[in-house]
Amino acid sequence: MMRIGSVPYLNAKPMVDWFHSPECDSPVEVVYAVPSRLAEMLREGSVDVANVSIFEMFQNPDLILIPDLSISACGAVKSVRLFSKKPLHEIESVALDTSSLTSNALLRILLKEQFGITPCYSHHTPDIYAMLESHDAGLIIGDLKLFEGLPDTVVYDLGQAWYDLTGLPFVYAAWSARRDRVSLEMCETLHRAMGWGSQCLETLAAHWAGRWNLPVELATDYLVNVMDYRLAERQMAGLRLYQQKCFEQGLTGELHPIEAFQP
């Protein structure tokens, strides 16, 4: 039985909810964890494939990319944002969401390239109120309940900032498989799941909005208009540029090719 790891966020539901539906005829087990934990699970071998932070692909050359699928956005992403008590160019301390890998590295790049600052970074459990008690700013991922922002804070959407800097989409996560377990059957199964999910975006938005007490309009807009599940040429260009910037800023120790599965 294939063991799949997934983030527990709304953006992944179109990729994985088929596995919990009556239509699914594939023997799989889905386990849910935050991005940083999924990376550990892939390394441990406790999952075969996961929609893991794209940053982990730069760190772990034993991972193989499943082609043509990603969690991406072109412009504002609405669920990866920095909340700051100060104007952005005056930030001196930032609390980073311990759930994140990709967004933490992306924020370091953006603040340095857009504002010329290298604040003091520390990792913090994802509680924006606690973060802002001891830091100038806090980075939170996945929490759509913060969509309206917080009083007396500057909100910095990392997806929009990346697009303003590069003109390219940003790939937050993609299906990454262990080299010793990737297969054509795995790829076909993940594509079937996404094919089902892409036909059910509004239904999934309404379902999870009800479960998580979110405005249906917000959840629907997020899945239908914000998220992009392709991994086409422009997404790959954004991914490679991000990898290059991570390397140039010393966030990764080695620049190795991103390998996609080829049957």
C-alpha atoms as a PDB file:
ATOM      1  CA  MET A   1       0.000   0.000   0.000  1.00  0.00           C
ATOM      2  CA  MET A   2       1.313   3.424  -0.951  1.00  0.00           C
ATOM      3  CA  ARG A   3       1.742   5.834   1.974  1.00  0.00           C
ATOM      4  CA  ILE A   4       1.150   9.485   1.075  1.00  0.00           C
ATOM      5  CA  GLY A   5       2.053  12.513   3.171  1.00  0.00           C
ATOM      6  CA  SER A   6       0.088  15.731   2.840  1.00  0.00           C
ATOM      7  CA  VAL A   7      -0.066  19.126   4.467  1.00  0.00           C
ATOM      8  CA  PRO A   8      -3.354  19.676   6.348  1.00  0.00           C
ATOM      9  CA  TYR A   9      -4.107  22.995   4.650  1.00  0.00           C
ATOM     10  CA  LEU A  10      -6.970  23.950   2.350  1.00  0.00           C
ATOM     11  CA  ASN A  11      -4.692  24.310  -0.668  1.00  0.00           C
ATOM     12  CA  ALA A  12      -3.884  20.581  -0.626  1.00  0.00           C
ATOM     13  CA  LYS A  13      -7.476  19.323  -0.424  1.00  0.00           C
ATOM     14  CA  PRO A  14      -7.990  19.131  -4.214  1.00  0.00           C
ATOM     15  CA  MET A  15      -4.868  16.955  -4.404  1.00  0.00           C
ATOM     16  CA  VAL A  16      -5.798  14.447  -1.694  1.00  0.00           C
ATOM     17  CA  ASP A  17      -9.517  14.391  -0.931  1.00  0.00           C
ATOM     18  CA  TRP A  18     -10.169  11.867  -3.709  1.00  0.00           C
ATOM     19  CA  PHE A  19      -8.399   9.302  -1.541  1.00  0.00           C
ATOM     20  CA  HIS A  20     -11.154   9.715   1.063  1.00  0.00           C
ATOM     21  CA  SER A  21     -14.007   9.600  -1.460  1.00  0.00           C
ATOM     22  CA  PRO A  22     -16.152   6.641  -2.559  1.00  0.00           C
ATOM     23  CA  GLU A  23     -14.731   7.043  -6.071  1.00  0.00           C
ATOM     24  CA  CYS A  24     -11.224   6.118  -4.957  1.00  0.00           C
ATOM     25  CA  ASP A  25     -10.191   2.601  -5.910  1.00  0.00           C
ATOM     26  CA  SER A  26      -6.501   2.889  -5.022  1.00  0.00           C
ATOM     27  CA  PRO A  27      -5.156   1.267  -1.848  1.00  0.00           C
ATOM     28  CA  VAL A  28      -3.381   4.190  -0.195  1.00  0.00           C
ATOM     29  CA  GLU A  29      -2.918   5.634   3.260  1.00  0.00           C
ATOM     30  CA  VAL A  30      -2.798   9.418   3.687  1.00  0.00           C
ATOM     31  CA  VAL A  31      -1.061  10.945   6.701  1.00  0.00           C
ATOM     32  CA  TYR A  32      -1.158  14.658   7.471  1.00  0.00           C
ATOM     33  CA  ALA A  33       1.628  16.816   8.866  1.00  0.00           C
ATOM     34  CA  VAL A  34       3.042  20.333   8.555  1.00  0.00           C
ATOM     35  CA  PRO A  35       5.642  20.894   5.806  1.00  0.00           C
ATOM     36  CA  SER A  36       8.675  20.694   8.084  1.00  0.00           C
ATOM     37  CA  ARG A  37       7.505  17.350   9.472  1.00  0.00           C
ATOM     38  CA  LEU A  38       6.690  15.956   6.019  1.00  0.00           C
ATOM     39  CA  ALA A  39      10.287  16.584   4.995  1.00  0.00           C
ATOM     40  CA  GLU A  40      11.443  14.518   7.979  1.00  0.00           C
ATOM     41  CA  MET A  41       8.985  11.740   7.150  1.00  0.00           C
ATOM     42  CA  LEU A  42      10.314  11.446   3.599  1.00  0.00           C
ATOM     43  CA  ARG A  43      13.864  11.228   4.894  1.00  0.00           C
ATOM     44  CA  GLU A  44      12.844   8.607   7.461  1.00  0.00           C
ATOM     45  CA  GLY A  45      10.958   6.573   4.878  1.00  0.00           C
ATOM     46  CA  SER A  46       7.692   6.684   6.817  1.00  0.00           C
ATOM     47  CA  VAL A  47       5.947   8.014   3.680  1.00  0.00           C
ATOM     48  CA  ASP A  48       6.624   7.167   0.032  1.00  0.00           C
ATOM     49  CA  VAL A  49       5.621  10.523  -1.460  1.00  0.00           C
ATOM     50  CA  ALA A  50       4.459  13.854  -0.058  1.00  0.00           C
ATOM     51  CA  ASN A  51       3.329  17.278  -1.232  1.00  0.00           C
ATOM     52  CA  VAL A  52       6.358  18.622   0.558  1.00  0.00           C
ATOM     53  CA  SER A  53       7.877  22.118   0.658  1.00  0.00           C
ATOM     54  CA  ILE A  54       9.788  22.746  -2.548  1.00  0.00           C
ATOM     55  CA  PHE A  55      12.744  23.861  -0.408  1.00  0.00           C
ATOM     56  CA  GLU A  56      13.193  20.237   0.686  1.00  0.00           C
ATOM     57  CA  MET A  57      13.832  19.305  -2.956  1.00  0.00           C
ATOM     58  CA  PHE A  58      16.890  21.578  -2.839  1.00  0.00           C
ATOM     59  CA  GLN A  59      18.116  19.923   0.348  1.00  0.00           C
ATOM     60  CA  ASN A  60      17.480  16.282  -0.454  1.00  0.00           C
ATOM     61  CA  PRO A  61      18.873  14.993  -3.772  1.00  0.00           C
ATOM     62  CA  ASP A  62      17.224  11.616  -3.134  1.00  0.00           C
ATOM     63  CA  LEU A  63      13.808  13.080  -3.941  1.00  0.00           C
ATOM     64  CA  ILE A  64      12.204  12.812  -7.366  1.00  0.00           C
ATOM     65  CA  LEU A  65       9.624  15.347  -8.544  1.00  0.00           C
ATOM     66  CA  ILE A  66       6.277  14.049  -9.775  1.00  0.00           C
ATOM     67  CA  PRO A  67       5.746  15.909 -13.067  1.00  0.00           C
ATOM     68  CA  ASP A  68       3.014  18.435 -13.861  1.00  0.00           C
ATOM     69  CA  LEU A  69       1.571  18.883 -10.344  1.00  0.00           C
ATOM     70  CA  SER A  70       2.285  21.563  -7.755  1.00  0.00           C
ATOM     71  CA  ILE A  71       0.850  23.942  -5.185  1.00  0.00           C
ATOM     72  CA  SER A  72       1.600  27.290  -6.786  1.00  0.00           C
ATOM     73  CA  ALA A  73       0.281  30.813  -7.141  1.00  0.00           C
ATOM     74  CA  CYS A  74       0.986  33.693  -9.480  1.00  0.00           C
ATOM     75  CA  GLY A  75       0.825  36.809  -7.312  1.00  0.00           C
ATOM     76  CA  ALA A  76      -0.894  37.157  -3.958  1.00  0.00           C
ATOM     77  CA  VAL A  77      -1.240  33.778  -2.229  1.00  0.00           C
ATOM     78  CA  LYS A  78      -3.193  35.030   0.829  1.00  0.00           C
ATOM     79  CA  SER A  79      -2.032  32.197   3.100  1.00  0.00           C
ATOM     80  CA  VAL A  80       1.706  32.958   3.339  1.00  0.00           C
ATOM     81  CA  ARG A  81       2.104  36.377   4.923  1.00  0.00           C
ATOM     82  CA  LEU A  82       4.273  38.436   7.200  1.00  0.00           C
ATOM     83  CA  PHE A  83       2.549  40.600   9.801  1.00  0.00           C
ATOM     84  CA  SER A  84       4.689  43.480  11.025  1.00  0.00           C
ATOM     85  CA  LYS A  85       4.289  46.104  13.754  1.00  0.00           C
ATOM     86  CA  LYS A  86       6.800  48.317  11.927  1.00  0.00           C
ATOM     87  CA  PRO A  87       7.260  49.554   8.363  1.00  0.00           C
ATOM     88  CA  LEU A  88       8.931  46.716   6.513  1.00  0.00           C
ATOM     89  CA  HIS A  89      12.262  48.472   5.981  1.00  0.00           C
ATOM     90  CA  GLU A  90      12.548  49.023   9.765  1.00  0.00           C
ATOM     91  CA  ILE A  91      12.053  45.388  10.833  1.00  0.00           C
ATOM     92  CA  GLU A  92      14.808  44.150  13.153  1.00  0.00           C
ATOM     93  CA  SER A  93      13.385  40.835  14.409  1.00  0.00           C
ATOM     94  CA  VAL A  94      11.186  38.210  12.739  1.00  0.00           C
ATOM     95  CA  ALA A  95       9.507  35.102  14.155  1.00  0.00           C
ATOM     96  CA  LEU A  96       9.418  32.312  11.560  1.00  0.00           C
ATOM     97  CA  ASP A  97       6.644  29.721  11.508  1.00  0.00           C
ATOM     98  CA  THR A  98       8.158  26.397  12.624  1.00  0.00           C
ATOM     99  CA  SER A  99       5.708  24.636  10.277  1.00  0.00           C
ATOM    100  CA  SER A 100       7.418  26.117   7.226  1.00  0.00           C
ATOM    101  CA  LEU A 101      10.528  25.454   5.173  1.00  0.00           C
ATOM    102  CA  THR A 102       9.928  27.102   1.799  1.00  0.00           C
ATOM    103  CA  SER A 103       8.301  30.299   3.039  1.00  0.00           C
ATOM    104  CA  ASN A 104      10.905  30.897   5.731  1.00  0.00           C
ATOM    105  CA  ALA A 105      13.668  30.835   3.114  1.00  0.00           C
ATOM    106  CA  LEU A 106      11.595  32.908   0.693  1.00  0.00           C
ATOM    107  CA  LEU A 107      11.074  35.633   3.300  1.00  0.00           C
ATOM    108  CA  ARG A 108      14.810  35.934   3.914  1.00  0.00           C
ATOM    109  CA  ILE A 109      15.365  36.399   0.177  1.00  0.00           C
ATOM    110  CA  LEU A 110      12.597  38.955  -0.245  1.00  0.00           C
ATOM    111  CA  LEU A 111      13.494  41.142   2.727  1.00  0.00           C
ATOM    112  CA  LYS A 112      17.129  41.245   1.648  1.00  0.00           C
ATOM    113  CA  GLU A 113      16.455  41.912  -2.038  1.00  0.00           C
ATOM    114  CA  GLN A 114      13.478  44.251  -1.708  1.00  0.00           C
ATOM    115  CA  PHE A 115      14.432  46.177   1.427  1.00  0.00           C
ATOM    116  CA  GLY A 116      18.123  45.487   1.922  1.00  0.00           C
ATOM    117  CA  ILE A 117      17.580  44.168   5.449  1.00  0.00           C
ATOM    118  CA  THR A 118      18.747  41.056   7.270  1.00  0.00           C
ATOM    119  CA  PRO A 119      16.787  41.024  10.526  1.00  0.00           C
ATOM    120  CA  CYS A 120      17.328  38.636  13.404  1.00  0.00           C
ATOM    121  CA  TYR A 121      15.306  35.491  12.704  1.00  0.00           C
ATOM    122  CA  SER A 122      14.056  32.967  15.235  1.00  0.00           C
ATOM    123  CA  HIS A 123      11.674  30.030  14.952  1.00  0.00           C
ATOM    124  CA  HIS A 124       8.352  30.151  16.740  1.00  0.00           C
ATOM    125  CA  THR A 125       5.219  28.049  16.989  1.00  0.00           C
ATOM    126  CA  PRO A 126       2.583  29.483  14.612  1.00  0.00           C
ATOM    127  CA  ASP A 127       0.796  31.862  16.991  1.00  0.00           C
ATOM    128  CA  ILE A 128       0.854  35.329  15.481  1.00  0.00           C
ATOM    129  CA  TYR A 129      -0.155  37.067  18.694  1.00  0.00           C
ATOM    130  CA  ALA A 130       2.659  35.451  20.677  1.00  0.00           C
ATOM    131  CA  MET A 131       5.070  36.110  17.813  1.00  0.00           C
ATOM    132  CA  LEU A 132       4.327  39.816  17.821  1.00  0.00           C
ATOM    133  CA  GLU A 133       4.746  40.096  21.582  1.00  0.00           C
ATOM    134  CA  SER A 134       8.470  39.427  21.262  1.00  0.00           C
ATOM    135  CA  HIS A 135       9.275  40.272  17.627  1.00  0.00           C
ATOM    136  CA  ASP A 136       8.731  43.125  15.201  1.00  0.00           C
ATOM    137  CA  ALA A 137       7.091  40.746  12.728  1.00  0.00           C
ATOM    138  CA  GLY A 138       5.836  37.191  12.368  1.00  0.00           C
ATOM    139  CA  LEU A 139       5.500  34.874   9.379  1.00  0.00           C
ATOM    140  CA  ILE A 140       2.446  32.606   9.338  1.00  0.00           C
ATOM    141  CA  ILE A 141       1.530  30.000   6.716  1.00  0.00           C
ATOM    142  CA  GLY A 142      -1.767  28.259   6.053  1.00  0.00           C
ATOM    143  CA  ASP A 143      -4.047  30.310   8.332  1.00  0.00           C
ATOM    144  CA  LEU A 144      -6.822  31.759   6.180  1.00  0.00           C
ATOM    145  CA  LYS A 145      -8.581  33.057   9.291  1.00  0.00           C
ATOM    146  CA  LEU A 146      -6.006  35.854   9.233  1.00  0.00           C
ATOM    147  CA  PHE A 147      -7.155  36.866   5.755  1.00  0.00           C
ATOM    148  CA  GLU A 148      -8.530  40.185   6.977  1.00  0.00           C
ATOM    149  CA  GLY A 149      -5.206  41.008   8.625  1.00  0.00           C
ATOM    150  CA  LEU A 150      -4.539  42.248  12.142  1.00  0.00           C
ATOM    151  CA  PRO A 151      -5.083  45.727  13.561  1.00  0.00           C
ATOM    152  CA  ASP A 152      -2.038  47.994  13.533  1.00  0.00           C
ATOM    153  CA  THR A 153       0.075  45.688  11.374  1.00  0.00           C
ATOM    154  CA  VAL A 154       1.573  45.855   7.919  1.00  0.00           C
ATOM    155  CA  VAL A 155       0.650  42.742   5.920  1.00  0.00           C
ATOM    156  CA  TYR A 156       3.250  41.480   3.442  1.00  0.00           C
ATOM    157  CA  ASP A 157       2.038  38.759   1.074  1.00  0.00           C
ATOM    158  CA  LEU A 158       5.071  36.721   0.027  1.00  0.00           C
ATOM    159  CA  GLY A 159       3.462  35.499  -3.182  1.00  0.00           C
ATOM    160  CA  GLN A 160       2.779  39.031  -4.365  1.00  0.00           C
ATOM    161  CA  ALA A 161       6.247  40.153  -3.290  1.00  0.00           C
ATOM    162  CA  TRP A 162       7.870  37.327  -5.282  1.00  0.00           C
ATOM    163  CA  TYR A 163       5.830  38.204  -8.360  1.00  0.00           C
ATOM    164  CA  ASP A 164       6.718  41.898  -8.012  1.00  0.00           C
ATOM    165  CA  LEU A 165      10.398  40.953  -7.794  1.00  0.00           C
ATOM    166  CA  THR A 166      10.538  38.344 -10.562  1.00  0.00           C
ATOM    167  CA  GLY A 167       7.347  38.419 -12.647  1.00  0.00           C
ATOM    168  CA  LEU A 168       7.048  34.658 -12.122  1.00  0.00           C
ATOM    169  CA  PRO A 169       4.727  32.308 -10.229  1.00  0.00           C
ATOM    170  CA  PHE A 170       5.986  30.768  -7.016  1.00  0.00           C
ATOM    171  CA  VAL A 171       5.931  27.026  -6.344  1.00  0.00           C
ATOM    172  CA  TYR A 172       5.284  26.414  -2.649  1.00  0.00           C
ATOM    173  CA  ALA A 173       5.102  22.636  -2.743  1.00  0.00           C
ATOM    174  CA  ALA A 174       5.060  19.714  -5.146  1.00  0.00           C
ATOM    175  CA  TRP A 175       4.673  15.964  -4.984  1.00  0.00           C
ATOM    176  CA  SER A 176       8.118  14.613  -4.154  1.00  0.00           C
ATOM    177  CA  ALA A 177       8.822  10.903  -3.951  1.00  0.00           C
ATOM    178  CA  ARG A 178      11.648   8.876  -2.521  1.00  0.00           C
ATOM    179  CA  ARG A 179      13.919   7.742  -5.324  1.00  0.00           C
ATOM    180  CA  ASP A 180      13.667   4.118  -4.177  1.00  0.00           C
ATOM    181  CA  ARG A 181       9.852   4.127  -4.228  1.00  0.00           C
ATOM    182  CA  VAL A 182       8.746   6.319  -7.128  1.00  0.00           C
ATOM    183  CA  SER A 183       6.833   4.553  -9.909  1.00  0.00           C
ATOM    184  CA  LEU A 184       4.606   5.131 -12.891  1.00  0.00           C
ATOM    185  CA  GLU A 185       1.663   3.800 -10.874  1.00  0.00           C
ATOM    186  CA  MET A 186       2.332   6.398  -8.175  1.00  0.00           C
ATOM    187  CA  CYS A 187       2.355   9.211 -10.751  1.00  0.00           C
ATOM    188  CA  GLU A 188      -0.841   8.013 -12.372  1.00  0.00           C
ATOM    189  CA  THR A 189      -2.590   7.723  -9.008  1.00  0.00           C
ATOM    190  CA  LEU A 190      -1.638  11.264  -7.948  1.00  0.00           C
ATOM    191  CA  HIS A 191      -2.784  12.638 -11.308  1.00  0.00           C
ATOM    192  CA  ARG A 192      -6.113  10.832 -10.985  1.00  0.00           C
ATOM    193  CA  ALA A 193      -6.599  12.375  -7.572  1.00  0.00           C
ATOM    194  CA  MET A 194      -5.877  15.861  -8.890  1.00  0.00           C
ATOM    195  CA  GLY A 195      -8.142  15.296 -11.885  1.00  0.00           C
ATOM    196  CA  TRP A 196     -10.998  14.536  -9.509  1.00  0.00           C
ATOM    197  CA  GLY A 197     -10.124  17.480  -7.262  1.00  0.00           C
ATOM    198  CA  SER A 198      -9.976  19.970 -10.107  1.00  0.00           C
ATOM    199  CA  GLN A 199     -13.585  19.118 -10.935  1.00  0.00           C
ATOM    200  CA  CYS A 200     -14.701  19.614  -7.333  1.00  0.00           C
ATOM    201  CA  LEU A 201     -13.060  22.887  -6.293  1.00  0.00           C
ATOM    202  CA  GLU A 202     -16.255  24.705  -5.300  1.00  0.00           C
ATOM    203  CA  THR A 203     -17.634  21.654  -3.504  1.00  0.00           C
ATOM    204  CA  LEU A 204     -14.395  21.192  -1.589  1.00  0.00           C
ATOM    205  CA  ALA A 205     -14.275  24.895  -0.721  1.00  0.00           C
ATOM    206  CA  ALA A 206     -17.803  24.782   0.710  1.00  0.00           C
ATOM    207  CA  HIS A 207     -17.117  21.586   2.646  1.00  0.00           C
ATOM    208  CA  TRP A 208     -13.908  22.792   4.295  1.00  0.00           C
ATOM    209  CA  ALA A 209     -15.234  26.283   4.886  1.00  0.00           C
ATOM    210  CA  GLY A 210     -17.985  24.677   6.942  1.00  0.00           C
ATOM    211  CA  ARG A 211     -15.554  22.442   8.810  1.00  0.00           C
ATOM    212  CA  TRP A 212     -13.142  25.267   9.610  1.00  0.00           C
ATOM    213  CA  ASN A 213     -15.604  28.118  10.057  1.00  0.00           C
ATOM    214  CA  LEU A 214     -14.308  30.101   7.078  1.00  0.00           C
ATOM    215  CA  PRO A 215     -16.338  32.337   4.781  1.00  0.00           C
ATOM    216  CA  VAL A 216     -17.363  30.203   1.798  1.00  0.00           C
ATOM    217  CA  GLU A 217     -16.554  33.041  -0.588  1.00  0.00           C
ATOM    218  CA  LEU A 218     -13.011  33.260   0.755  1.00  0.00           C
ATOM    219  CA  ALA A 219     -12.409  29.511   0.513  1.00  0.00           C
ATOM    220  CA  THR A 220     -13.887  29.341  -2.997  1.00  0.00           C
ATOM    221  CA  ASP A 221     -11.824  32.260  -4.253  1.00  0.00           C
ATOM    222  CA  TYR A 222      -8.727  30.696  -2.742  1.00  0.00           C
ATOM    223  CA  LEU A 223      -9.133  27.329  -4.460  1.00  0.00           C
ATOM    224  CA  VAL A 224     -10.591  28.568  -7.748  1.00  0.00           C
ATOM    225  CA  ASN A 225      -8.689  31.813  -8.371  1.00  0.00           C
ATOM    226  CA  VAL A 226      -5.572  31.860  -6.185  1.00  0.00           C
ATOM    227  CA  MET A 227      -4.224  28.322  -6.257  1.00  0.00           C
ATOM    228  CA  ASP A 228      -2.607  26.877  -9.367  1.00  0.00           C
ATOM    229  CA  TYR A 229      -1.945  23.142  -9.432  1.00  0.00           C
ATOM    230  CA  ARG A 230       0.086  23.058 -12.630  1.00  0.00           C
ATOM    231  CA  LEU A 231       3.830  22.636 -12.906  1.00  0.00           C
ATOM    232  CA  ALA A 232       4.272  24.058 -16.371  1.00  0.00           C
ATOM    233  CA  GLU A 233       7.143  26.043 -17.917  1.00  0.00           C
ATOM    234  CA  ARG A 234       6.553  29.266 -15.976  1.00  0.00           C
ATOM    235  CA  GLN A 235       6.212  27.450 -12.662  1.00  0.00           C
ATOM    236  CA  MET A 236       9.457  25.599 -13.354  1.00  0.00           C
ATOM    237  CA  ALA A 237      11.171  28.888 -14.218  1.00  0.00           C
ATOM    238  CA  GLY A 238      10.042  30.341 -10.892  1.00  0.00           C
ATOM    239  CA  LEU A 239      11.159  27.203  -9.064  1.00  0.00           C
ATOM    240  CA  ARG A 240      14.640  27.270 -10.601  1.00  0.00           C
ATOM    241  CA  LEU A 241      15.074  30.977  -9.896  1.00  0.00           C
ATOM    242  CA  TYR A 242      14.095  30.438  -6.272  1.00  0.00           C
ATOM    243  CA  GLN A 243      16.596  27.588  -6.025  1.00  0.00           C
ATOM    244  CA  GLN A 244      19.306  29.819  -7.456  1.00  0.00           C
ATOM    245  CA  LYS A 245      18.534  32.601  -4.982  1.00  0.00           C
ATOM    246  CA  CYS A 246      18.542  30.169  -2.060  1.00  0.00           C
ATOM    247  CA  PHE A 247      22.001  29.040  -3.104  1.00  0.00           C
ATOM    248  CA  GLU A 248      23.323  32.568  -3.656  1.00  0.00           C
ATOM    249  CA  GLN A 249      22.160  33.661  -0.210  1.00  0.00           C
ATOM    250  CA  GLY A 250      23.697  30.639   1.506  1.00  0.00           C
ATOM    251  CA  LEU A 251      20.354  29.060   2.420  1.00  0.00           C
ATOM    252  CA  THR A 252      21.308  25.808   0.692  1.00  0.00           C
ATOM    253  CA  GLY A 253      24.739  24.279   0.575  1.00  0.00           C
ATOM    254  CA  GLU A 254      24.629  22.764  -2.882  1.00  0.00           C
ATOM    255  CA  LEU A 255      22.995  23.514  -6.220  1.00  0.00           C
ATOM    256  CA  HIS A 256      21.837  20.256  -7.759  1.00  0.00           C
ATOM    257  CA  PRO A 257      19.391  19.608 -10.626  1.00  0.00           C
ATOM    258  CA  ILE A 258      15.726  19.048  -9.832  1.00  0.00           C
ATOM    259  CA  GLU A 259      14.916  15.617 -11.239  1.00  0.00           C
ATOM    260  CA  ALA A 260      11.435  14.782 -12.473  1.00  0.00           C
ATOM    261  CA  PHE A 261      10.235  11.208 -12.806  1.00  0.00           C
ATOM    262  CA  GLN A 262      10.499   9.710 -16.271  1.00  0.00           C
ATOM    263  CA  PRO A 263       8.925   6.294 -16.840  1.00  0.00           C
END
